Amino acid sequence: MKNGYTSDHDFQNVIFSDQPLQTGEYENCIFRNCSFEYADLSDFSLTDCEFIGCNLSMAKLLKTAFRTVVFKECKMFGLQFNDCNGFGLSFTFDGCALNNAVFYNTSVKKTVFRNSKLIETDFAECDLSNSVFKNCDLSGAIFDRTNLEKADFQNFLQLFHRSSLKQA
């Protein structure tokens, strides 16, 4: 597929398994109530984009670049964020379901997780320094050798093992 560039576009109610999104760069785009379930988003570059009410469960994220991306009220089961392009990796999650997602060995400093479910999510060996977890369900989440320096866990209680908890 040809790589393209799209900016300032509003995608609404599109099922991308029926109508695949063209591989390329997307900047300042909004995706509303779209389905990316099992979609291949490998090698996509998404900058300053917003996903609202979308289903991205089990999407393939090999070398996907998320740069200042906001996810609101999205279903995101089983996503492998550890496969993403790590350069400039930056996102915010608000009201999302990220159950069984994998952030293993990623650097996602200053990430905000608000009102989200992160059940059995793998944060092992991840750098979450200065991140915020506000009103999140982290039941069964893995924080093995995770850097949680200055992380803010508001309205949450969990026992952490083998993680850096300085000033958390």
N, C-alpha and C. Protein backbone atom coordinates (compact mmCIF):
# COMPACT_ATOMS: atom_id res chain seq x y z
N MET A 1 0.83 -1.18 0.00
CA MET A 1 0.00 0.00 0.00
C MET A 1 0.87 1.25 0.00
N LYS A 2 0.45 2.26 -0.65
CA LYS A 2 1.16 3.52 -0.78
C LYS A 2 1.07 4.32 0.52
N ASN A 3 2.17 4.94 0.91
CA ASN A 3 2.17 5.79 2.11
C ASN A 3 1.62 7.16 1.75
N GLY A 4 0.70 7.66 2.58
CA GLY A 4 0.11 8.96 2.32
C GLY A 4 0.24 9.87 3.52
N TYR A 5 -0.20 11.10 3.35
CA TYR A 5 -0.21 12.08 4.42
C TYR A 5 -1.60 12.67 4.50
N THR A 6 -2.18 12.66 5.69
CA THR A 6 -3.52 13.20 5.91
C THR A 6 -3.48 14.09 7.14
N SER A 7 -4.04 15.29 7.03
CA SER A 7 -4.08 16.16 8.20
C SER A 7 -5.47 16.79 8.33
N ASP A 8 -5.81 17.12 9.57
CA ASP A 8 -7.04 17.84 9.89
C ASP A 8 -8.29 17.17 9.33
N HIS A 9 -8.34 15.86 9.39
CA HIS A 9 -9.51 15.12 8.88
C HIS A 9 -10.28 14.51 10.05
N ASP A 10 -11.59 14.49 9.93
CA ASP A 10 -12.46 13.91 10.95
C ASP A 10 -13.08 12.63 10.38
N PHE A 11 -12.66 11.48 10.91
CA PHE A 11 -13.18 10.19 10.49
C PHE A 11 -14.30 9.81 11.45
N GLN A 12 -15.48 9.45 10.94
CA GLN A 12 -16.59 9.10 11.82
C GLN A 12 -17.25 7.79 11.40
N ASN A 13 -17.47 6.93 12.39
CA ASN A 13 -18.22 5.68 12.20
C ASN A 13 -17.68 4.80 11.07
N VAL A 14 -16.37 4.74 10.94
CA VAL A 14 -15.77 3.92 9.89
C VAL A 14 -15.31 2.60 10.49
N ILE A 15 -15.59 1.51 9.81
CA ILE A 15 -15.11 0.19 10.23
C ILE A 15 -13.90 -0.12 9.35
N PHE A 16 -12.72 0.05 9.92
CA PHE A 16 -11.50 -0.07 9.13
C PHE A 16 -11.12 -1.51 8.77
N SER A 17 -11.84 -2.50 9.31
CA SER A 17 -11.62 -3.87 8.84
C SER A 17 -12.30 -4.07 7.49
N ASP A 18 -13.36 -3.31 7.24
CA ASP A 18 -14.04 -3.35 5.94
C ASP A 18 -13.38 -2.41 4.93
N GLN A 19 -12.88 -1.31 5.42
CA GLN A 19 -12.32 -0.23 4.62
C GLN A 19 -10.97 0.16 5.20
N PRO A 20 -9.88 -0.58 4.91
CA PRO A 20 -8.60 -0.30 5.57
C PRO A 20 -8.11 1.13 5.36
N LEU A 21 -7.56 1.68 6.42
CA LEU A 21 -6.98 3.01 6.39
C LEU A 21 -5.65 2.93 5.65
N GLN A 22 -5.38 3.90 4.80
CA GLN A 22 -4.13 3.91 4.05
C GLN A 22 -2.95 4.10 4.99
N THR A 23 -1.93 3.28 4.84
CA THR A 23 -0.71 3.41 5.64
C THR A 23 -0.09 4.77 5.37
N GLY A 24 0.35 5.44 6.42
CA GLY A 24 0.98 6.74 6.22
C GLY A 24 1.00 7.56 7.49
N GLU A 25 1.09 8.87 7.29
CA GLU A 25 1.15 9.82 8.40
C GLU A 25 -0.20 10.52 8.55
N TYR A 26 -0.65 10.61 9.80
CA TYR A 26 -1.90 11.28 10.12
C TYR A 26 -1.60 12.32 11.19
N GLU A 27 -1.96 13.56 10.91
CA GLU A 27 -1.66 14.65 11.83
C GLU A 27 -2.93 15.46 12.08
N ASN A 28 -3.18 15.76 13.37
CA ASN A 28 -4.35 16.54 13.78
C ASN A 28 -5.66 15.94 13.28
N CYS A 29 -5.74 14.63 13.27
CA CYS A 29 -6.97 13.96 12.83
C CYS A 29 -7.77 13.50 14.04
N ILE A 30 -9.07 13.40 13.84
CA ILE A 30 -9.97 12.89 14.88
C ILE A 30 -10.66 11.65 14.33
N PHE A 31 -10.66 10.60 15.14
CA PHE A 31 -11.33 9.35 14.80
C PHE A 31 -12.45 9.17 15.82
N ARG A 32 -13.72 9.25 15.36
CA ARG A 32 -14.88 9.13 16.26
C ARG A 32 -15.65 7.86 15.96
N ASN A 33 -15.84 7.06 17.01
CA ASN A 33 -16.65 5.84 16.90
C ASN A 33 -16.23 4.96 15.73
N CYS A 34 -14.94 4.83 15.54
CA CYS A 34 -14.40 3.99 14.47
C CYS A 34 -13.94 2.65 15.05
N SER A 35 -13.93 1.63 14.22
CA SER A 35 -13.45 0.32 14.65
C SER A 35 -12.15 -0.01 13.93
N PHE A 36 -11.12 -0.26 14.73
CA PHE A 36 -9.82 -0.70 14.24
C PHE A 36 -9.54 -2.12 14.75
N GLU A 37 -10.59 -2.81 15.21
CA GLU A 37 -10.42 -4.13 15.81
C GLU A 37 -9.70 -5.05 14.84
N TYR A 38 -8.58 -5.61 15.29
CA TYR A 38 -7.71 -6.50 14.52
C TYR A 38 -7.08 -5.82 13.30
N ALA A 39 -7.16 -4.52 13.18
CA ALA A 39 -6.57 -3.80 12.04
C ALA A 39 -5.04 -3.81 12.15
N ASP A 40 -4.39 -3.71 11.02
CA ASP A 40 -2.93 -3.63 10.99
C ASP A 40 -2.53 -2.16 10.87
N LEU A 41 -2.07 -1.59 11.96
CA LEU A 41 -1.64 -0.19 11.98
C LEU A 41 -0.11 -0.08 11.97
N SER A 42 0.54 -1.13 11.55
CA SER A 42 2.00 -1.15 11.48
C SER A 42 2.52 -0.06 10.57
N ASP A 43 3.57 0.61 11.01
CA ASP A 43 4.25 1.67 10.26
C ASP A 43 3.43 2.94 10.08
N PHE A 44 2.30 3.06 10.79
CA PHE A 44 1.53 4.30 10.76
C PHE A 44 2.22 5.31 11.67
N SER A 45 2.07 6.59 11.35
CA SER A 45 2.55 7.67 12.20
C SER A 45 1.35 8.55 12.53
N LEU A 46 1.03 8.66 13.81
CA LEU A 46 -0.13 9.43 14.27
C LEU A 46 0.37 10.52 15.21
N THR A 47 0.20 11.76 14.80
CA THR A 47 0.69 12.89 15.57
C THR A 47 -0.44 13.85 15.88
N ASP A 48 -0.58 14.22 17.15
CA ASP A 48 -1.62 15.15 17.59
C ASP A 48 -3.02 14.70 17.15
N CYS A 49 -3.25 13.39 17.23
CA CYS A 49 -4.54 12.84 16.84
C CYS A 49 -5.36 12.49 18.08
N GLU A 50 -6.67 12.34 17.87
CA GLU A 50 -7.58 12.01 18.95
C GLU A 50 -8.48 10.86 18.52
N PHE A 51 -8.62 9.88 19.39
CA PHE A 51 -9.50 8.74 19.16
C PHE A 51 -10.60 8.81 20.21
N ILE A 52 -11.85 8.92 19.79
CA ILE A 52 -12.98 9.07 20.70
C ILE A 52 -13.97 7.94 20.46
N GLY A 53 -14.20 7.12 21.48
CA GLY A 53 -15.18 6.05 21.38
C GLY A 53 -14.84 4.98 20.36
N CYS A 54 -13.57 4.76 20.12
CA CYS A 54 -13.12 3.79 19.11
C CYS A 54 -12.81 2.43 19.73
N ASN A 55 -12.84 1.40 18.90
CA ASN A 55 -12.43 0.06 19.30
C ASN A 55 -11.13 -0.25 18.56
N LEU A 56 -10.05 -0.34 19.31
CA LEU A 56 -8.74 -0.66 18.74
C LEU A 56 -8.24 -2.02 19.21
N SER A 57 -9.13 -2.82 19.79
CA SER A 57 -8.73 -4.10 20.37
C SER A 57 -8.00 -4.98 19.37
N MET A 58 -6.88 -5.53 19.85
CA MET A 58 -6.07 -6.48 19.09
C MET A 58 -5.49 -5.91 17.79
N ALA A 59 -5.44 -4.60 17.65
CA ALA A 59 -4.81 -4.00 16.46
C ALA A 59 -3.31 -4.28 16.50
N LYS A 60 -2.73 -4.45 15.35
CA LYS A 60 -1.29 -4.70 15.23
C LYS A 60 -0.57 -3.35 15.21
N LEU A 61 0.43 -3.18 16.09
CA LEU A 61 1.10 -1.89 16.26
C LEU A 61 2.60 -1.93 15.98
N LEU A 62 3.04 -2.79 15.09
CA LEU A 62 4.46 -2.91 14.80
C LEU A 62 5.01 -1.63 14.19
N LYS A 63 5.93 -0.97 14.90
CA LYS A 63 6.58 0.28 14.48
C LYS A 63 5.60 1.44 14.33
N THR A 64 4.43 1.35 14.96
CA THR A 64 3.46 2.45 14.92
C THR A 64 3.98 3.58 15.79
N ALA A 65 3.91 4.81 15.28
CA ALA A 65 4.35 5.98 16.02
C ALA A 65 3.13 6.73 16.55
N PHE A 66 3.01 6.79 17.88
CA PHE A 66 1.98 7.58 18.53
C PHE A 66 2.68 8.77 19.16
N ARG A 67 2.42 9.96 18.66
CA ARG A 67 3.06 11.17 19.18
C ARG A 67 1.98 12.17 19.60
N THR A 68 1.86 12.37 20.89
CA THR A 68 0.85 13.25 21.47
C THR A 68 -0.54 12.86 20.99
N VAL A 69 -0.92 11.63 21.26
CA VAL A 69 -2.21 11.09 20.86
C VAL A 69 -3.10 10.95 22.09
N VAL A 70 -4.37 11.32 21.95
CA VAL A 70 -5.33 11.23 23.04
C VAL A 70 -6.36 10.15 22.71
N PHE A 71 -6.59 9.27 23.68
CA PHE A 71 -7.61 8.23 23.55
C PHE A 71 -8.68 8.49 24.61
N LYS A 72 -9.94 8.66 24.18
CA LYS A 72 -11.05 8.90 25.10
C LYS A 72 -12.11 7.84 24.89
N GLU A 73 -12.50 7.18 25.98
CA GLU A 73 -13.59 6.20 25.95
C GLU A 73 -13.36 5.13 24.87
N CYS A 74 -12.14 4.65 24.76
CA CYS A 74 -11.80 3.65 23.74
C CYS A 74 -11.66 2.25 24.35
N LYS A 75 -12.00 1.26 23.57
CA LYS A 75 -11.78 -0.14 23.93
C LYS A 75 -10.48 -0.54 23.26
N MET A 76 -9.50 -0.99 24.08
CA MET A 76 -8.16 -1.22 23.58
C MET A 76 -7.57 -2.51 24.14
N PHE A 77 -8.34 -3.59 24.12
CA PHE A 77 -7.91 -4.85 24.71
C PHE A 77 -6.74 -5.46 23.96
N GLY A 78 -5.74 -5.92 24.72
CA GLY A 78 -4.64 -6.71 24.17
C GLY A 78 -3.67 -5.98 23.27
N LEU A 79 -3.61 -4.67 23.33
CA LEU A 79 -2.67 -3.94 22.46
C LEU A 79 -1.24 -4.13 22.93
N GLN A 80 -0.33 -4.30 21.99
CA GLN A 80 1.09 -4.53 22.27
C GLN A 80 1.87 -3.22 22.04
N PHE A 81 1.77 -2.31 23.00
CA PHE A 81 2.46 -1.02 22.87
C PHE A 81 3.98 -1.19 22.83
N ASN A 82 4.48 -2.32 23.30
CA ASN A 82 5.93 -2.59 23.24
C ASN A 82 6.42 -2.77 21.81
N ASP A 83 5.52 -2.97 20.86
CA ASP A 83 5.90 -3.10 19.45
C ASP A 83 5.97 -1.75 18.73
N CYS A 84 5.50 -0.69 19.40
CA CYS A 84 5.45 0.65 18.77
C CYS A 84 6.83 1.25 18.56
N ASN A 85 6.89 2.22 17.68
CA ASN A 85 8.09 3.03 17.51
C ASN A 85 8.25 3.85 18.79
N GLY A 86 9.34 3.68 19.50
CA GLY A 86 9.55 4.33 20.78
C GLY A 86 9.90 5.79 20.70
N PHE A 87 10.28 6.28 19.52
CA PHE A 87 10.70 7.67 19.38
C PHE A 87 9.49 8.60 19.56
N GLY A 88 9.53 9.44 20.57
CA GLY A 88 8.46 10.41 20.80
C GLY A 88 7.15 9.81 21.27
N LEU A 89 7.17 8.55 21.70
CA LEU A 89 5.96 7.86 22.14
C LEU A 89 5.28 8.65 23.25
N SER A 90 4.06 9.13 22.97
CA SER A 90 3.37 9.99 23.94
C SER A 90 1.87 9.90 23.71
N PHE A 91 1.16 9.55 24.79
CA PHE A 91 -0.29 9.49 24.69
C PHE A 91 -0.94 9.71 26.05
N THR A 92 -2.26 9.94 26.02
CA THR A 92 -3.10 10.12 27.20
C THR A 92 -4.31 9.23 27.03
N PHE A 93 -4.73 8.60 28.14
CA PHE A 93 -5.89 7.71 28.11
C PHE A 93 -6.92 8.21 29.10
N ASP A 94 -8.15 8.41 28.66
CA ASP A 94 -9.22 8.88 29.54
C ASP A 94 -10.46 8.02 29.31
N GLY A 95 -10.85 7.28 30.35
CA GLY A 95 -12.05 6.44 30.25
C GLY A 95 -11.89 5.26 29.33
N CYS A 96 -10.67 4.76 29.20
CA CYS A 96 -10.39 3.66 28.27
C CYS A 96 -10.32 2.31 28.98
N ALA A 97 -10.55 1.25 28.22
CA ALA A 97 -10.38 -0.12 28.70
C ALA A 97 -9.16 -0.70 28.00
N LEU A 98 -8.07 -0.83 28.76
CA LEU A 98 -6.79 -1.31 28.22
C LEU A 98 -6.44 -2.67 28.81
N ASN A 99 -7.44 -3.49 29.08
CA ASN A 99 -7.20 -4.79 29.70
C ASN A 99 -6.25 -5.63 28.85
N ASN A 100 -5.32 -6.29 29.52
CA ASN A 100 -4.34 -7.18 28.88
C ASN A 100 -3.44 -6.49 27.87
N ALA A 101 -3.31 -5.17 27.96
CA ALA A 101 -2.37 -4.45 27.09
C ALA A 101 -0.95 -4.71 27.59
N VAL A 102 0.02 -4.53 26.70
CA VAL A 102 1.42 -4.77 27.04
C VAL A 102 2.25 -3.50 26.76
N PHE A 103 2.85 -2.99 27.84
CA PHE A 103 3.76 -1.85 27.74
C PHE A 103 5.18 -2.30 28.10
N TYR A 104 5.43 -3.59 28.12
CA TYR A 104 6.70 -4.16 28.56
C TYR A 104 7.90 -3.42 27.97
N ASN A 105 8.79 -2.96 28.86
CA ASN A 105 10.06 -2.36 28.48
C ASN A 105 9.92 -1.12 27.60
N THR A 106 8.82 -0.37 27.77
CA THR A 106 8.67 0.88 27.01
C THR A 106 8.96 2.07 27.91
N SER A 107 9.29 3.18 27.32
CA SER A 107 9.48 4.42 28.06
C SER A 107 8.28 5.31 27.73
N VAL A 108 7.37 5.39 28.69
CA VAL A 108 6.17 6.21 28.51
C VAL A 108 6.04 7.17 29.70
N LYS A 109 7.11 7.92 29.92
CA LYS A 109 7.15 8.90 31.00
C LYS A 109 6.02 9.92 30.81
N LYS A 110 5.49 10.40 31.93
CA LYS A 110 4.48 11.46 31.95
C LYS A 110 3.17 11.07 31.27
N THR A 111 2.89 9.78 31.16
CA THR A 111 1.64 9.34 30.56
C THR A 111 0.51 9.51 31.58
N VAL A 112 -0.63 9.98 31.11
CA VAL A 112 -1.79 10.14 31.98
C VAL A 112 -2.81 9.05 31.66
N PHE A 113 -3.16 8.29 32.72
CA PHE A 113 -4.21 7.28 32.65
C PHE A 113 -5.31 7.77 33.60
N ARG A 114 -6.46 8.13 33.07
CA ARG A 114 -7.53 8.68 33.89
C ARG A 114 -8.80 7.86 33.68
N ASN A 115 -9.44 7.47 34.80
CA ASN A 115 -10.72 6.75 34.75
C ASN A 115 -10.67 5.56 33.79
N SER A 116 -9.59 4.83 33.81
CA SER A 116 -9.39 3.74 32.86
C SER A 116 -9.23 2.39 33.55
N LYS A 117 -9.54 1.34 32.81
CA LYS A 117 -9.35 -0.02 33.29
C LYS A 117 -8.09 -0.57 32.65
N LEU A 118 -7.16 -0.99 33.51
CA LEU A 118 -5.89 -1.52 33.05
C LEU A 118 -5.70 -2.91 33.67
N ILE A 119 -6.76 -3.70 33.62
CA ILE A 119 -6.77 -5.01 34.26
C ILE A 119 -5.80 -5.95 33.57
N GLU A 120 -4.89 -6.54 34.39
CA GLU A 120 -3.87 -7.47 33.91
C GLU A 120 -2.99 -6.90 32.81
N THR A 121 -2.78 -5.59 32.86
CA THR A 121 -1.89 -4.92 31.91
C THR A 121 -0.44 -5.12 32.36
N ASP A 122 0.45 -5.33 31.40
CA ASP A 122 1.86 -5.62 31.69
C ASP A 122 2.69 -4.34 31.57
N PHE A 123 3.14 -3.83 32.73
CA PHE A 123 4.02 -2.67 32.79
C PHE A 123 5.43 -3.08 33.21
N ALA A 124 5.78 -4.35 33.11
CA ALA A 124 7.09 -4.83 33.56
C ALA A 124 8.22 -4.10 32.83
N GLU A 125 9.23 -3.71 33.61
CA GLU A 125 10.44 -3.05 33.09
C GLU A 125 10.14 -1.79 32.29
N CYS A 126 9.03 -1.17 32.57
CA CYS A 126 8.57 0.03 31.87
C CYS A 126 9.01 1.27 32.65
N ASP A 127 9.25 2.37 31.96
CA ASP A 127 9.54 3.64 32.63
C ASP A 127 8.25 4.47 32.63
N LEU A 128 7.61 4.51 33.80
CA LEU A 128 6.37 5.27 33.99
C LEU A 128 6.60 6.46 34.92
N SER A 129 7.85 6.93 34.99
CA SER A 129 8.15 8.04 35.89
C SER A 129 7.29 9.26 35.52
N ASN A 130 6.83 9.95 36.55
CA ASN A 130 6.00 11.15 36.41
C ASN A 130 4.65 10.89 35.73
N SER A 131 4.23 9.64 35.65
CA SER A 131 2.93 9.32 35.07
C SER A 131 1.84 9.48 36.11
N VAL A 132 0.61 9.59 35.65
CA VAL A 132 -0.54 9.76 36.53
C VAL A 132 -1.54 8.64 36.28
N PHE A 133 -1.96 8.00 37.37
CA PHE A 133 -3.00 6.98 37.33
C PHE A 133 -4.12 7.49 38.24
N LYS A 134 -5.13 8.11 37.67
CA LYS A 134 -6.21 8.69 38.48
C LYS A 134 -7.49 7.88 38.26
N ASN A 135 -8.03 7.35 39.36
CA ASN A 135 -9.27 6.57 39.33
C ASN A 135 -9.18 5.41 38.35
N CYS A 136 -8.09 4.66 38.41
CA CYS A 136 -7.88 3.53 37.49
C CYS A 136 -8.02 2.20 38.21
N ASP A 137 -8.49 1.20 37.48
CA ASP A 137 -8.54 -0.16 37.97
C ASP A 137 -7.32 -0.89 37.44
N LEU A 138 -6.38 -1.19 38.35
CA LEU A 138 -5.13 -1.85 37.98
C LEU A 138 -5.09 -3.28 38.52
N SER A 139 -6.25 -3.91 38.67
CA SER A 139 -6.32 -5.28 39.19
C SER A 139 -5.46 -6.22 38.35
N GLY A 140 -4.55 -6.90 39.01
CA GLY A 140 -3.71 -7.89 38.34
C GLY A 140 -2.66 -7.31 37.41
N ALA A 141 -2.51 -5.99 37.40
CA ALA A 141 -1.48 -5.37 36.54
C ALA A 141 -0.09 -5.76 37.04
N ILE A 142 0.85 -5.89 36.11
CA ILE A 142 2.21 -6.32 36.44
C ILE A 142 3.13 -5.10 36.44
N PHE A 143 3.79 -4.88 37.59
CA PHE A 143 4.73 -3.78 37.75
C PHE A 143 6.06 -4.34 38.22
N ASP A 144 6.66 -5.24 37.46
CA ASP A 144 7.91 -5.89 37.84
C ASP A 144 9.09 -5.08 37.31
N ARG A 145 9.94 -4.59 38.23
CA ARG A 145 11.10 -3.76 37.87
C ARG A 145 10.67 -2.54 37.03
N THR A 146 9.58 -1.95 37.42
CA THR A 146 9.03 -0.78 36.72
C THR A 146 9.49 0.49 37.41
N ASN A 147 9.88 1.49 36.65
CA ASN A 147 10.26 2.78 37.23
C ASN A 147 8.99 3.61 37.44
N LEU A 148 8.63 3.79 38.71
CA LEU A 148 7.43 4.55 39.07
C LEU A 148 7.80 5.81 39.85
N GLU A 149 9.02 6.31 39.62
CA GLU A 149 9.47 7.51 40.31
C GLU A 149 8.52 8.67 40.03
N LYS A 150 8.06 9.30 41.11
CA LYS A 150 7.17 10.46 41.04
C LYS A 150 5.85 10.15 40.33
N ALA A 151 5.50 8.89 40.20
CA ALA A 151 4.20 8.53 39.62
C ALA A 151 3.11 8.88 40.63
N ASP A 152 1.96 9.28 40.15
CA ASP A 152 0.85 9.70 41.00
C ASP A 152 -0.29 8.70 40.86
N PHE A 153 -0.54 7.96 41.94
CA PHE A 153 -1.61 6.97 41.97
C PHE A 153 -2.74 7.53 42.82
N GLN A 154 -3.67 8.25 42.21
CA GLN A 154 -4.77 8.86 42.93
C GLN A 154 -5.94 7.89 43.02
N ASN A 155 -6.50 7.74 44.22
CA ASN A 155 -7.65 6.87 44.46
C ASN A 155 -7.37 5.42 44.07
N PHE A 156 -6.18 4.95 44.41
CA PHE A 156 -5.82 3.57 44.08
C PHE A 156 -4.89 3.02 45.14
N LEU A 157 -5.04 1.75 45.48
CA LEU A 157 -4.17 1.09 46.45
C LEU A 157 -3.72 -0.23 45.85
N GLN A 158 -2.43 -0.47 45.82
CA GLN A 158 -1.88 -1.69 45.22
C GLN A 158 -0.51 -1.94 45.82
N LEU A 159 -0.15 -3.17 45.99
CA LEU A 159 1.19 -3.52 46.45
C LEU A 159 2.09 -3.73 45.25
N PHE A 160 3.23 -3.08 45.26
CA PHE A 160 4.16 -3.21 44.15
C PHE A 160 5.41 -3.93 44.61
N HIS A 161 5.94 -4.76 43.76
CA HIS A 161 7.15 -5.51 44.07
C HIS A 161 8.21 -5.21 43.02
N ARG A 162 9.44 -5.09 43.48
CA ARG A 162 10.60 -4.90 42.60
C ARG A 162 10.42 -3.74 41.62
N SER A 163 9.83 -2.66 42.07
CA SER A 163 9.66 -1.48 41.24
C SER A 163 10.32 -0.31 41.93
N SER A 164 10.73 0.66 41.17
CA SER A 164 11.32 1.86 41.73
C SER A 164 10.18 2.79 42.15
N LEU A 165 10.01 2.97 43.45
CA LEU A 165 8.90 3.75 43.98
C LEU A 165 9.34 5.08 44.59
N LYS A 166 10.48 5.59 44.23
CA LYS A 166 10.96 6.83 44.82
C LYS A 166 9.97 7.95 44.57
N GLN A 167 9.48 8.55 45.62
CA GLN A 167 8.57 9.69 45.59
C GLN A 167 7.27 9.40 44.83
N ALA A 168 6.86 8.14 44.73
CA ALA A 168 5.59 7.82 44.07
C ALA A 168 4.43 8.11 45.00
